[in-house]
Amino acid sequence: MLTLFGTSACHLCERAAALLQAAGVDFEEVDISESDDLFARYGVTIPVLRRADGEELNWPFDEEALARFLE
């Protein structure tokens, strides 16, 4: 499972989610504003996509970078 870290007011997060949806990828969205720890970790780097193995892909990414990350 993939996790997309972001916030509800983040237009870049919306773009990242749209890329994932267009690629037909299942993912869970986590709003970092609901956790002090997550906000401290990701507050200036969102959106961030995390794979189940813990590897992360920071924004900016496009279709090509997403495909490489998912391989």
Protein backbone atom coordinates (compact mmCIF):
# COMPACT_ATOMS: atom_id res chain seq x y z
CA MET A 1 0.00 0.00 0.00
CA LEU A 2 1.14 3.53 -0.78
CA THR A 3 0.67 6.46 1.56
CA LEU A 4 0.46 10.05 0.35
CA PHE A 5 1.31 12.52 3.09
CA GLY A 6 -0.11 16.01 2.67
CA THR A 7 -2.74 18.43 3.91
CA SER A 8 -6.23 19.29 2.77
CA ALA A 9 -5.20 22.82 1.76
CA CYS A 10 -2.23 21.73 -0.38
CA HIS A 11 -2.69 22.19 -4.13
CA LEU A 12 0.50 20.21 -4.82
CA CYS A 13 -0.94 17.33 -2.81
CA GLU A 14 -4.04 17.45 -5.01
CA ARG A 15 -1.82 17.26 -8.10
CA ALA A 16 0.09 14.29 -6.64
CA ALA A 17 -3.18 12.50 -5.82
CA ALA A 18 -4.41 13.13 -9.37
CA LEU A 19 -1.21 11.58 -10.78
CA LEU A 20 -1.71 8.50 -8.62
CA GLN A 21 -5.37 8.21 -9.61
CA ALA A 22 -4.51 8.59 -13.30
CA ALA A 23 -1.95 5.79 -12.92
CA GLY A 24 -4.60 3.56 -11.34
CA VAL A 25 -2.63 3.25 -8.12
CA ASP A 26 -4.29 2.46 -4.79
CA PHE A 27 -3.13 4.80 -2.04
CA GLU A 28 -4.11 6.16 1.33
CA GLU A 29 -4.02 9.89 2.04
CA VAL A 30 -2.76 11.02 5.44
CA ASP A 31 -3.28 14.61 6.57
CA ILE A 32 -0.12 15.58 8.43
CA SER A 33 -1.86 18.48 10.16
CA GLU A 34 -3.54 15.95 12.44
CA SER A 35 -0.23 14.79 13.94
CA ASP A 36 2.51 16.92 15.48
CA ASP A 37 5.11 14.25 14.65
CA LEU A 38 4.07 13.99 11.00
CA PHE A 39 3.86 17.77 10.67
CA ALA A 40 7.38 18.14 12.09
CA ARG A 41 8.68 15.49 9.68
CA TYR A 42 6.87 16.44 6.46
CA GLY A 43 5.68 20.03 6.99
CA VAL A 44 7.96 21.59 4.37
CA THR A 45 8.28 18.63 1.97
CA ILE A 46 4.69 17.61 1.19
CA PRO A 47 3.45 15.93 -0.79
CA VAL A 48 5.47 12.82 0.02
CA LEU A 49 4.63 9.36 -1.25
CA ARG A 50 5.75 6.37 0.85
CA ARG A 51 5.87 2.73 -0.23
CA ALA A 52 5.20 -0.15 2.16
CA ASP A 53 8.97 -0.78 2.38
CA GLY A 54 9.49 2.74 3.78
CA GLU A 55 11.05 4.29 0.67
CA GLU A 56 9.77 7.78 -0.02
CA LEU A 57 9.32 9.95 -3.10
CA ASN A 58 9.27 13.69 -2.48
CA TRP A 59 7.54 16.24 -4.66
CA PRO A 60 8.07 17.25 -7.39
CA PHE A 61 7.47 14.04 -9.32
CA ASP A 62 5.85 13.29 -12.64
CA GLU A 63 4.43 10.19 -14.34
CA GLU A 64 7.90 8.93 -15.24
CA ALA A 65 9.34 9.35 -11.75
CA LEU A 66 6.22 7.74 -10.29
CA ALA A 67 6.56 4.75 -12.60
CA ARG A 68 10.22 4.27 -11.60
CA PHE A 69 9.29 4.54 -7.92
CA LEU A 70 6.60 1.89 -8.30
CA GLU A 71 8.84 -0.65 -10.08
